C-alpha atoms as a PDB file:
ATOM      1  CA  MET A   1      58.382  83.333 221.441  1.00  0.00           C
ATOM      2  CA  GLY A   2      54.604  83.384 222.313  1.00  0.00           C
ATOM      3  CA  VAL A   3      53.774  85.771 219.518  1.00  0.00           C
ATOM      4  CA  ARG A   4      55.716  83.574 216.971  1.00  0.00           C
ATOM      5  CA  ILE A   5      53.623  80.513 218.118  1.00  0.00           C
ATOM      6  CA  ASP A   6      50.413  82.592 217.548  1.00  0.00           C
ATOM      7  CA  ILE A   7      51.709  83.715 214.123  1.00  0.00           C
ATOM      8  CA  LEU A   8      52.186  80.111 213.204  1.00  0.00           C
ATOM      9  CA  LYS A   9      48.772  79.051 214.534  1.00  0.00           C
ATOM     10  CA  THR A  10      47.136  81.874 212.566  1.00  0.00           C
ATOM     11  CA  ILE A  11      48.932  80.939 209.549  1.00  0.00           C
ATOM     12  CA  LYS A  12      47.606  77.389 209.708  1.00  0.00           C
ATOM     13  CA  ALA A  13      44.130  78.632 210.443  1.00  0.00           C
ATOM     14  CA  TYR A  14      43.900  80.526 207.004  1.00  0.00           C
ATOM     15  CA  ASP A  15      43.523  79.172 203.409  1.00  0.00           C
ATOM     16  CA  THR A  16      44.332  82.434 201.824  1.00  0.00           C
ATOM     17  CA  ILE A  17      47.493  84.472 202.919  1.00  0.00           C
ATOM     18  CA  ILE A  18      48.550  87.679 201.313  1.00  0.00           C
ATOM     19  CA  ILE A  19      51.977  89.097 202.095  1.00  0.00           C
ATOM     20  CA  GLN A  20      52.732  92.590 201.725  1.00  0.00           C
ATOM     21  CA  ARG A  21      55.549  95.067 202.416  1.00  0.00           C
ATOM     22  CA  HIS A  22      56.213  98.861 202.253  1.00  0.00           C
ATOM     23  CA  LYS A  23      56.154 101.296 199.475  1.00  0.00           C
ATOM     24  CA  SER A  24      59.404 101.964 197.406  1.00  0.00           C
ATOM     25  CA  PRO A  25      60.702  98.475 198.526  1.00  0.00           C
ATOM     26  CA  ASP A  26      64.295  97.868 199.141  1.00  0.00           C
ATOM     27  CA  PRO A  27      65.986  94.334 199.141  1.00  0.00           C
ATOM     28  CA  ASP A  28      64.937  93.770 202.895  1.00  0.00           C
ATOM     29  CA  ALA A  29      61.099  94.444 202.294  1.00  0.00           C
ATOM     30  CA  LEU A  30      61.230  92.226 199.125  1.00  0.00           C
ATOM     31  CA  GLY A  31      63.451  89.466 200.689  1.00  0.00           C
ATOM     32  CA  SER A  32      61.369  89.119 203.823  1.00  0.00           C
ATOM     33  CA  GLN A  33      58.069  89.317 201.835  1.00  0.00           C
ATOM     34  CA  GLY A  34      59.252  86.649 199.250  1.00  0.00           C
ATOM     35  CA  GLY A  35      61.193  84.637 201.530  1.00  0.00           C
ATOM     36  CA  LEU A  36      58.077  84.298 203.703  1.00  0.00           C
ATOM     37  CA  ALA A  37      55.916  83.466 200.882  1.00  0.00           C
ATOM     38  CA  GLU A  38      58.260  80.749 199.473  1.00  0.00           C
ATOM     39  CA  ILE A  39      58.486  79.088 202.801  1.00  0.00           C
ATOM     40  CA  LEU A  40      54.696  79.123 203.287  1.00  0.00           C
ATOM     41  CA  ARG A  41      54.141  77.839 199.725  1.00  0.00           C
ATOM     42  CA  ALA A  42      56.560  74.973 200.171  1.00  0.00           C
ATOM     43  CA  THR A  43      55.006  74.210 203.614  1.00  0.00           C
ATOM     44  CA  PHE A  44      51.483  74.596 202.808  1.00  0.00           C
ATOM     45  CA  PRO A  45      50.840  73.721 199.205  1.00  0.00           C
ATOM     46  CA  GLU A  46      47.286  73.573 199.606  1.00  0.00           C
ATOM     47  CA  LYS A  47      46.747  77.313 200.609  1.00  0.00           C
ATOM     48  CA  LYS A  48      46.683  80.250 198.320  1.00  0.00           C
ATOM     49  CA  ILE A  49      49.763  82.387 198.978  1.00  0.00           C
ATOM     50  CA  TYR A  50      50.272  85.650 197.313  1.00  0.00           C
ATOM     51  CA  GLN A  51      52.720  88.655 197.442  1.00  0.00           C
ATOM     52  CA  THR A  52      51.442  92.080 196.637  1.00  0.00           C
ATOM     53  CA  GLY A  53      52.296  95.497 196.618  1.00  0.00           C
ATOM     54  CA  GLY A  54      52.782  96.969 193.025  1.00  0.00           C
ATOM     55  CA  SER A  55      55.867  97.768 191.191  1.00  0.00           C
ATOM     56  CA  VAL A  56      59.352  96.674 192.506  1.00  0.00           C
ATOM     57  CA  HIS A  57      61.227  98.831 189.921  1.00  0.00           C
ATOM     58  CA  ASP A  58      64.624  97.708 189.284  1.00  0.00           C
ATOM     59  CA  LEU A  59      64.496  95.116 191.976  1.00  0.00           C
ATOM     60  CA  ASP A  60      62.591  92.647 189.789  1.00  0.00           C
ATOM     61  CA  TYR A  61      65.513  90.309 189.586  1.00  0.00           C
ATOM     62  CA  LEU A  62      64.487  89.501 193.309  1.00  0.00           C
ATOM     63  CA  ILE A  63      60.789  88.927 192.950  1.00  0.00           C
ATOM     64  CA  THR A  64      57.856  90.236 191.131  1.00  0.00           C
ATOM     65  CA  MET A  65      54.219  91.005 192.640  1.00  0.00           C
ATOM     66  CA  ASP A  66      51.022  88.935 192.040  1.00  0.00           C
ATOM     67  CA  GLU A  67      48.115  90.904 190.927  1.00  0.00           C
ATOM     68  CA  ILE A  68      44.955  89.870 192.667  1.00  0.00           C
ATOM     69  CA  SER A  69      41.197  91.208 192.933  1.00  0.00           C
ATOM     70  CA  ASP A  70      39.677  92.724 195.984  1.00  0.00           C
ATOM     71  CA  GLU A  71      37.436  89.713 196.571  1.00  0.00           C
ATOM     72  CA  VAL A  72      40.666  87.684 197.378  1.00  0.00           C
ATOM     73  CA  TYR A  73      41.160  89.727 200.355  1.00  0.00           C
ATOM     74  CA  GLN A  74      37.682  88.799 201.776  1.00  0.00           C
ATOM     75  CA  GLY A  75      38.429  86.484 204.687  1.00  0.00           C
ATOM     76  CA  ALA A  76      42.009  86.488 204.087  1.00  0.00           C
ATOM     77  CA  LEU A  77      45.193  86.634 206.397  1.00  0.00           C
ATOM     78  CA  VAL A  78      47.479  89.639 205.561  1.00  0.00           C
ATOM     79  CA  ILE A  79      51.010  89.507 206.851  1.00  0.00           C
ATOM     80  CA  VAL A  80      52.972  92.879 206.391  1.00  0.00           C
ATOM     81  CA  THR A  81      56.979  92.561 206.518  1.00  0.00           C
ATOM     82  CA  ASP A  82      59.477  95.246 207.096  1.00  0.00           C
ATOM     83  CA  THR A  83      56.886  98.051 207.398  1.00  0.00           C
ATOM     84  CA  ALA A  84      56.952 100.373 210.614  1.00  0.00           C
ATOM     85  CA  ASN A  85      53.585 102.103 210.141  1.00  0.00           C
ATOM     86  CA  ALA A  86      50.434 101.255 208.446  1.00  0.00           C
ATOM     87  CA  PRO A  87      50.463 104.318 206.046  1.00  0.00           C
ATOM     88  CA  ARG A  88      53.663 102.975 204.464  1.00  0.00           C
ATOM     89  CA  ILE A  89      52.038  99.506 203.563  1.00  0.00           C
ATOM     90  CA  SER A  90      52.101  99.092 199.900  1.00  0.00           C
ATOM     91  CA  ASP A  91      48.543  98.605 198.622  1.00  0.00           C
ATOM     92  CA  SER A  92      45.922  99.663 201.212  1.00  0.00           C
ATOM     93  CA  ARG A  93      43.522  96.857 200.572  1.00  0.00           C
ATOM     94  CA  TYR A  94      45.127  94.937 203.555  1.00  0.00           C
ATOM     95  CA  LYS A  95      42.238  96.781 205.288  1.00  0.00           C
ATOM     96  CA  LEU A  96      39.832  94.332 203.538  1.00  0.00           C
ATOM     97  CA  ALA A  97      41.216  91.247 205.068  1.00  0.00           C
ATOM     98  CA  GLU A  98      39.914  89.552 208.142  1.00  0.00           C
ATOM     99  CA  LYS A  99      43.314  89.645 210.133  1.00  0.00           C
ATOM    100  CA  LEU A 100      46.538  91.566 210.076  1.00  0.00           C
ATOM    101  CA  ILE A 101      50.083  90.482 211.282  1.00  0.00           C
ATOM    102  CA  LYS A 102      52.919  92.939 211.292  1.00  0.00           C
ATOM    103  CA  ILE A 103      56.367  91.400 211.306  1.00  0.00           C
ATOM    104  CA  ASP A 104      59.229  93.937 211.387  1.00  0.00           C
ATOM    105  CA  HIS A 105      62.477  95.138 212.859  1.00  0.00           C
ATOM    106  CA  HIS A 106      62.054  99.025 213.003  1.00  0.00           C
ATOM    107  CA  PRO A 107      61.113 100.855 216.217  1.00  0.00           C
ATOM    108  CA  ASP A 108      57.491 100.129 216.919  1.00  0.00           C
ATOM    109  CA  ASP A 109      56.352 103.678 217.214  1.00  0.00           C
ATOM    110  CA  GLU A 110      53.151 103.230 215.446  1.00  0.00           C
ATOM    111  CA  PRO A 111      51.813  99.691 216.222  1.00  0.00           C
ATOM    112  CA  TYR A 112      49.274  98.252 213.970  1.00  0.00           C
ATOM    113  CA  GLY A 113      47.804  94.682 213.326  1.00  0.00           C
ATOM    114  CA  ASP A 114      46.042  92.085 215.337  1.00  0.00           C
ATOM    115  CA  LEU A 115      49.391  90.339 215.962  1.00  0.00           C
ATOM    116  CA  SER A 116      52.732  92.070 216.043  1.00  0.00           C
ATOM    117  CA  TRP A 117      56.232  90.721 216.146  1.00  0.00           C
ATOM    118  CA  VAL A 118      58.850  93.262 216.332  1.00  0.00           C
ATOM    119  CA  ASN A 119      62.478  92.772 217.011  1.00  0.00           C
ATOM    120  CA  THR A 120      64.586  96.145 216.690  1.00  0.00           C
ATOM    121  CA  ARG A 121      67.739  93.929 217.691  1.00  0.00           C
ATOM    122  CA  ALA A 122      67.507  92.292 214.221  1.00  0.00           C
ATOM    123  CA  SER A 123      69.858  93.443 211.502  1.00  0.00           C
ATOM    124  CA  SER A 124      66.773  92.926 209.077  1.00  0.00           C
ATOM    125  CA  THR A 125      63.307  91.664 208.726  1.00  0.00           C
ATOM    126  CA  SER A 126      64.797  89.022 206.531  1.00  0.00           C
ATOM    127  CA  GLU A 127      66.951  87.720 209.428  1.00  0.00           C
ATOM    128  CA  MET A 128      63.696  87.661 211.592  1.00  0.00           C
ATOM    129  CA  ILE A 129      61.858  85.356 208.971  1.00  0.00           C
ATOM    130  CA  TYR A 130      64.752  82.840 209.115  1.00  0.00           C
ATOM    131  CA  GLU A 131      64.657  82.884 212.907  1.00  0.00           C
ATOM    132  CA  PHE A 132      60.957  82.153 212.526  1.00  0.00           C
ATOM    133  CA  PHE A 133      61.772  79.203 210.162  1.00  0.00           C
ATOM    134  CA  LEU A 134      64.337  77.869 212.676  1.00  0.00           C
ATOM    135  CA  MET A 135      61.944  77.941 215.544  1.00  0.00           C
ATOM    136  CA  PHE A 136      59.609  75.851 213.604  1.00  0.00           C
ATOM    137  CA  ALA A 137      61.995  73.876 211.625  1.00  0.00           C
ATOM    138  CA  ASP A 138      60.245  70.628 212.279  1.00  0.00           C
ATOM    139  CA  GLU A 139      57.045  72.094 210.627  1.00  0.00           C
ATOM    140  CA  LEU A 140      58.276  74.623 208.054  1.00  0.00           C
ATOM    141  CA  GLN A 141      60.111  73.892 204.910  1.00  0.00           C
ATOM    142  CA  MET A 142      62.876  76.109 203.547  1.00  0.00           C
ATOM    143  CA  THR A 143      63.808  76.450 199.936  1.00  0.00           C
ATOM    144  CA  ASP A 144      66.733  77.593 197.779  1.00  0.00           C
ATOM    145  CA  GLU A 145      64.741  80.327 196.493  1.00  0.00           C
ATOM    146  CA  ALA A 146      63.447  81.443 199.892  1.00  0.00           C
ATOM    147  CA  ALA A 147      67.206  81.349 201.159  1.00  0.00           C
ATOM    148  CA  ARG A 148      68.146  83.457 198.077  1.00  0.00           C
ATOM    149  CA  LEU A 149      65.609  86.206 198.962  1.00  0.00           C
ATOM    150  CA  LEU A 150      66.405  86.237 202.574  1.00  0.00           C
ATOM    151  CA  TYR A 151      70.159  86.346 201.957  1.00  0.00           C
ATOM    152  CA  ALA A 152      69.478  89.325 199.759  1.00  0.00           C
ATOM    153  CA  GLY A 153      67.350  91.009 202.367  1.00  0.00           C
ATOM    154  CA  ILE A 154      70.166  90.744 204.866  1.00  0.00           C
ATOM    155  CA  VAL A 155      73.001  91.765 202.679  1.00  0.00           C
ATOM    156  CA  GLY A 156      70.862  94.881 201.404  1.00  0.00           C
ATOM    157  CA  ASP A 157      69.988  96.009 205.088  1.00  0.00           C
ATOM    158  CA  THR A 158      73.643  95.488 206.499  1.00  0.00           C
ATOM    159  CA  GLY A 159      75.269  97.337 203.800  1.00  0.00           C
ATOM    160  CA  ARG A 160      76.948  94.030 203.044  1.00  0.00           C
ATOM    161  CA  PHE A 161      77.670  93.546 206.695  1.00  0.00           C
ATOM    162  CA  LEU A 162      79.009  96.945 207.164  1.00  0.00           C
ATOM    163  CA  TYR A 163      76.477  98.623 209.574  1.00  0.00           C
ATOM    164  CA  PRO A 164      76.331  98.393 213.233  1.00  0.00           C
ATOM    165  CA  ALA A 165      73.068  96.239 213.285  1.00  0.00           C
ATOM    166  CA  THR A 166      75.410  93.460 211.837  1.00  0.00           C
ATOM    167  CA  THR A 167      75.849  91.041 214.833  1.00  0.00           C
ATOM    168  CA  ALA A 168      77.480  87.640 215.161  1.00  0.00           C
ATOM    169  CA  ARG A 169      74.140  85.956 214.920  1.00  0.00           C
ATOM    170  CA  THR A 170      73.487  87.912 211.551  1.00  0.00           C
ATOM    171  CA  LEU A 171      76.782  86.451 210.239  1.00  0.00           C
ATOM    172  CA  GLU A 172      75.766  83.043 211.385  1.00  0.00           C
ATOM    173  CA  ILE A 173      72.365  83.123 209.746  1.00  0.00           C
ATOM    174  CA  ALA A 174      73.851  84.483 206.420  1.00  0.00           C
ATOM    175  CA  ALA A 175      76.443  81.521 206.664  1.00  0.00           C
ATOM    176  CA  GLU A 176      73.603  78.991 206.814  1.00  0.00           C
ATOM    177  CA  LEU A 177      71.707  80.753 204.071  1.00  0.00           C
ATOM    178  CA  ARG A 178      74.779  80.697 201.932  1.00  0.00           C
ATOM    179  CA  GLY A 179      74.701  76.877 202.302  1.00  0.00           C
ATOM    180  CA  TYR A 180      71.638  76.563 200.242  1.00  0.00           C
ATOM    181  CA  GLN A 181      71.640  76.327 196.397  1.00  0.00           C
ATOM    182  CA  PHE A 182      71.786  79.740 194.713  1.00  0.00           C
ATOM    183  CA  ASP A 183      74.357  81.940 193.119  1.00  0.00           C
ATOM    184  CA  ALA A 184      75.294  84.320 195.934  1.00  0.00           C
ATOM    185  CA  THR A 185      78.032  85.948 193.850  1.00  0.00           C
ATOM    186  CA  ARG A 186      75.709  86.715 191.042  1.00  0.00           C
ATOM    187  CA  LEU A 187      73.270  88.030 193.323  1.00  0.00           C
ATOM    188  CA  CYS A 188      75.579  90.408 195.198  1.00  0.00           C
ATOM    189  CA  ARG A 189      76.896  91.533 191.898  1.00  0.00           C
ATOM    190  CA  ARG A 190      73.460  92.177 190.558  1.00  0.00           C
ATOM    191  CA  MET A 191      72.655  94.191 193.812  1.00  0.00           C
ATOM    192  CA  GLU A 192      75.902  96.391 193.365  1.00  0.00           C
ATOM    193  CA  GLU A 193      75.100  97.134 189.857  1.00  0.00           C
ATOM    194  CA  ILE A 194      74.202 100.631 188.829  1.00  0.00           C
ATOM    195  CA  THR A 195      73.152 102.043 185.246  1.00  0.00           C
ATOM    196  CA  VAL A 196      75.400 104.406 183.454  1.00  0.00           C
ATOM    197  CA  ASN A 197      72.833 107.206 184.124  1.00  0.00           C
ATOM    198  CA  VAL A 198      73.166 106.667 187.787  1.00  0.00           C
ATOM    199  CA  ALA A 199      77.064 106.454 187.493  1.00  0.00           C
ATOM    200  CA  HIS A 200      76.943 110.031 185.816  1.00  0.00           C
ATOM    201  CA  LEU A 201      74.593 111.237 188.606  1.00  0.00           C
ATOM    202  CA  SER A 202      77.033 109.892 191.285  1.00  0.00           C
ATOM    203  CA  GLY A 203      79.494 112.368 189.645  1.00  0.00           C
ATOM    204  CA  TYR A 204      77.133 115.070 190.150  1.00  0.00           C
ATOM    205  CA  VAL A 205      76.615 113.963 193.814  1.00  0.00           C
ATOM    206  CA  TRP A 206      80.516 114.172 194.330  1.00  0.00           C
ATOM    207  CA  GLU A 207      80.758 117.541 192.777  1.00  0.00           C
ATOM    208  CA  ASN A 208      77.753 119.079 194.492  1.00  0.00           C
ATOM    209  CA  MET A 209      77.692 117.653 198.030  1.00  0.00           C
ATOM    210  CA  THR A 210      77.853 120.019 200.909  1.00  0.00           C
ATOM    211  CA  ILE A 211      79.912 118.991 203.919  1.00  0.00           C
ATOM    212  CA  ASP A 212      80.187 121.478 206.887  1.00  0.00           C
ATOM    213  CA  GLU A 213      83.406 121.661 209.128  1.00  0.00           C
ATOM    214  CA  HIS A 214      81.832 119.214 211.614  1.00  0.00           C
ATOM    215  CA  GLY A 215      80.974 116.431 209.119  1.00  0.00           C
ATOM    216  CA  ALA A 216      77.295 117.122 208.306  1.00  0.00           C
ATOM    217  CA  GLY A 217      76.582 116.310 204.655  1.00  0.00           C
ATOM    218  CA  MET A 218      73.855 116.857 202.157  1.00  0.00           C
ATOM    219  CA  VAL A 219      73.153 116.870 198.488  1.00  0.00           C
ATOM    220  CA  VAL A 220      69.951 118.012 196.867  1.00  0.00           C
ATOM    221  CA  LEU A 221      68.670 116.223 193.719  1.00  0.00           C
ATOM    222  CA  THR A 222      65.838 118.308 192.123  1.00  0.00           C
ATOM    223  CA  GLN A 223      63.531 117.073 189.513  1.00  0.00           C
ATOM    224  CA  ASP A 224      65.490 118.920 186.930  1.00  0.00           C
ATOM    225  CA  ILE A 225      68.680 117.228 187.887  1.00  0.00           C
ATOM    226  CA  LEU A 226      66.906 113.725 187.809  1.00  0.00           C
ATOM    227  CA  THR A 227      65.531 114.550 184.282  1.00  0.00           C
ATOM    228  CA  LYS A 228      68.937 115.844 183.054  1.00  0.00           C
ATOM    229  CA  TYR A 229      70.433 112.543 184.105  1.00  0.00           C
ATOM    230  CA  GLY A 230      67.618 110.373 183.047  1.00  0.00           C
ATOM    231  CA  VAL A 231      67.247 108.878 186.648  1.00  0.00           C
ATOM    232  CA  GLU A 232      64.145 108.005 188.575  1.00  0.00           C
ATOM    233  CA  ASP A 233      63.627 108.436 192.248  1.00  0.00           C
ATOM    234  CA  SER A 234      63.729 104.607 192.838  1.00  0.00           C
ATOM    235  CA  GLU A 235      67.269 104.457 191.487  1.00  0.00           C
ATOM    236  CA  THR A 236      68.816 107.167 193.783  1.00  0.00           C
ATOM    237  CA  SER A 237      69.043 104.633 196.718  1.00  0.00           C
ATOM    238  CA  ALA A 238      72.544 103.575 195.181  1.00  0.00           C
ATOM    239  CA  LEU A 239      73.519 107.086 195.833  1.00  0.00           C
ATOM    240  CA  ILE A 240      72.828 106.999 199.785  1.00  0.00           C
ATOM    241  CA  PRO A 241      76.266 105.708 200.772  1.00  0.00           C
ATOM    242  CA  LEU A 242      78.341 108.113 198.720  1.00  0.00           C
ATOM    243  CA  ILE A 243      78.595 111.147 201.033  1.00  0.00           C
ATOM    244  CA  GLY A 244      79.386 108.615 203.980  1.00  0.00           C
ATOM    245  CA  GLN A 245      82.355 107.397 202.168  1.00  0.00           C
ATOM    246  CA  VAL A 246      84.004 110.737 202.575  1.00  0.00           C
ATOM    247  CA  LYS A 247      86.600 110.958 205.337  1.00  0.00           C
ATOM    248  CA  GLY A 248      85.191 113.045 208.345  1.00  0.00           C
ATOM    249  CA  VAL A 249      81.505 112.734 207.394  1.00  0.00           C
ATOM    250  CA  VAL A 250      79.394 111.918 210.544  1.00  0.00           C
ATOM    251  CA  ALA A 251      75.844 112.249 209.212  1.00  0.00           C
ATOM    252  CA  TRP A 252      74.305 113.145 206.085  1.00  0.00           C
ATOM    253  CA  GLY A 253      71.100 113.498 203.969  1.00  0.00           C
ATOM    254  CA  ILE A 254      70.185 112.759 200.503  1.00  0.00           C
ATOM    255  CA  PHE A 255      67.143 115.244 199.473  1.00  0.00           C
ATOM    256  CA  VAL A 256      65.323 113.915 196.519  1.00  0.00           C
ATOM    257  CA  GLN A 257      62.493 115.998 194.861  1.00  0.00           C
ATOM    258  CA  GLN A 258      59.424 114.113 194.012  1.00  0.00           C
ATOM    259  CA  PRO A 259      57.199 114.905 190.853  1.00  0.00           C
ATOM    260  CA  GLU A 260      54.666 116.527 193.305  1.00  0.00           C
ATOM    261  CA  GLY A 261      57.429 118.989 194.404  1.00  0.00           C
ATOM    262  CA  TYR A 262      58.217 117.755 197.898  1.00  0.00           C
ATOM    263  CA  PHE A 263      61.491 116.366 198.830  1.00  0.00           C
ATOM    264  CA  ARG A 264      61.955 112.610 199.896  1.00  0.00           C
ATOM    265  CA  ILE A 265      64.907 112.584 202.424  1.00  0.00           C
ATOM    266  CA  ARG A 266      67.095 109.690 203.165  1.00  0.00           C
ATOM    267  CA  LEU A 267      69.313 110.021 206.337  1.00  0.00           C
ATOM    268  CA  ARG A 268      72.196 108.113 207.439  1.00  0.00           C
ATOM    269  CA  SER A 269      74.585 108.531 210.439  1.00  0.00           C
ATOM    270  CA  LYS A 270      77.780 107.019 211.668  1.00  0.00           C
ATOM    271  CA  GLY A 271      76.890 107.921 215.381  1.00  0.00           C
ATOM    272  CA  PRO A 272      74.096 110.550 216.009  1.00  0.00           C
ATOM    273  CA  VAL A 273      70.747 109.145 216.499  1.00  0.00           C
ATOM    274  CA  ILE A 274      68.673 110.547 213.546  1.00  0.00           C
ATOM    275  CA  ASN A 275      65.317 108.692 213.719  1.00  0.00           C
ATOM    276  CA  GLU A 276      63.824 111.370 216.099  1.00  0.00           C
ATOM    277  CA  LEU A 277      64.822 114.108 213.777  1.00  0.00           C
ATOM    278  CA  ALA A 278      63.070 111.945 210.985  1.00  0.00           C
ATOM    279  CA  LYS A 279      59.862 111.830 213.139  1.00  0.00           C
ATOM    280  CA  ARG A 280      59.707 115.448 213.426  1.00  0.00           C
ATOM    281  CA  HIS A 281      59.513 115.774 209.559  1.00  0.00           C
ATOM    282  CA  HIS A 282      56.886 113.052 208.726  1.00  0.00           C
ATOM    283  CA  GLY A 283      59.209 110.130 208.678  1.00  0.00           C
ATOM    284  CA  GLY A 284      61.167 107.702 210.955  1.00  0.00           C
ATOM    285  CA  GLY A 285      63.163 104.624 211.022  1.00  0.00           C
ATOM    286  CA  HIS A 286      66.301 103.315 212.661  1.00  0.00           C
ATOM    287  CA  PRO A 287      68.697 105.303 214.992  1.00  0.00           C
ATOM    288  CA  LEU A 288      71.298 105.301 212.223  1.00  0.00           C
ATOM    289  CA  ALA A 289      69.224 105.015 209.139  1.00  0.00           C
ATOM    290  CA  SER A 290      65.916 106.967 208.619  1.00  0.00           C
ATOM    291  CA  GLY A 291      63.632 108.639 206.144  1.00  0.00           C
ATOM    292  CA  ALA A 292      61.702 111.895 206.304  1.00  0.00           C
ATOM    293  CA  ASN A 293      60.051 114.457 204.053  1.00  0.00           C
ATOM    294  CA  ALA A 294      60.367 118.220 203.371  1.00  0.00           C
ATOM    295  CA  LYS A 295      57.784 120.259 201.737  1.00  0.00           C
ATOM    296  CA  ASP A 296      60.125 122.625 199.779  1.00  0.00           C
ATOM    297  CA  MET A 297      63.707 124.026 199.797  1.00  0.00           C
ATOM    298  CA  ALA A 298      63.074 125.787 203.120  1.00  0.00           C
ATOM    299  CA  GLY A 299      62.189 122.530 204.708  1.00  0.00           C
ATOM    300  CA  VAL A 300      65.333 121.008 203.152  1.00  0.00           C
ATOM    301  CA  GLU A 301      67.431 123.779 204.845  1.00  0.00           C
ATOM    302  CA  LYS A 302      65.609 123.143 208.026  1.00  0.00           C
ATOM    303  CA  VAL A 303      66.266 119.491 208.111  1.00  0.00           C
ATOM    304  CA  TYR A 304      70.059 120.220 207.097  1.00  0.00           C
ATOM    305  CA  GLN A 305      70.393 122.568 209.998  1.00  0.00           C
ATOM    306  CA  GLU A 306      69.064 119.917 212.374  1.00  0.00           C
ATOM    307  CA  ILE A 307      71.513 117.422 211.000  1.00  0.00           C
ATOM    308  CA  GLN A 308      74.407 120.003 211.628  1.00  0.00           C
ATOM    309  CA  GLU A 309      73.146 120.488 215.252  1.00  0.00           C
ATOM    310  CA  LEU A 310      72.967 116.811 215.876  1.00  0.00           C
ATOM    311  CA  VAL A 311      76.527 116.397 214.523  1.00  0.00           C
ATOM    312  CA  LYS A 312      77.969 119.289 216.551  1.00  0.00           C
ATOM    313  CA  ALA A 313      76.237 117.972 219.842  1.00  0.00           C
ATOM    314  CA  TYR A 314      77.511 114.406 219.044  1.00  0.00           C
ATOM    315  CA  LEU A 315      81.168 115.293 218.685  1.00  0.00           C
ATOM    316  CA  SER A 316      80.958 117.632 221.823  1.00  0.00           C
ATOM    317  CA  GLU A 317      79.619 114.706 223.918  1.00  0.00           C
ATOM    318  CA  ASN A 318      82.074 112.259 222.625  1.00  0.00           C
ATOM    319  CA  ALA A 319      85.147 114.619 222.357  1.00  0.00           C
END
């Protein structure tokens, strides 16, 4: 509670506030960033509130970013949402600001900021932003647009309330947000939509995924494959759940080659803790949802081998 009080005091003390999030944003990154920005704009109309971080790719139906000069950062407060470590912050100009606040729900393995509020029990950072509003509801103003963004963030990070991080409190907050005036059905349909190209690439995933006898799954998407199907890396997030839908799959990875040649890895699990594996491979995240990187195909094979070992050990321990 104390750090939240300090955060509000700090917000009140600054005339310019810049809210940032992580690179390659997902709905929770944008929902928490934009939701907080909308709350602060409504509450403090005299302040200059910006949301920055570059392209949001195909999530521009949620929010778009402001473009500001370096000078705006001078003497400003920066609040970073949904970002576990400083290297992942989108727009390194946060270093030019006078003060930095971190608000996040990932494990706090790499602390940063002058103030830090981390709650790993929260389903999402968007859930935390709503809790922040509720704590100071006599001072802060919620808006329909803020509610839309926070709802999108919660829906996105809980997999539409499927993932284990979804608690009774998560559902209560979602219900309260649903009471505001926005088209939740349209929003969720938009979040579920994929392009024809991604649909075709989904077929490739089904045809080419590897699943071992214990339920460790993987698929590799090279640059050649992405080019063939006309799909960008930012669109491949829609493919993450596919392997997990197969009966018997326990943990899996989607290995997406980047233009520079290395592989971005999205890891998911139904039981085995995978964030320690991710940390060993230049990544991190939640126990059941993490990201990592591999230099080349040898690195890809190494990560998949570790997924297999984790699954085998998990099944042995829970037999």
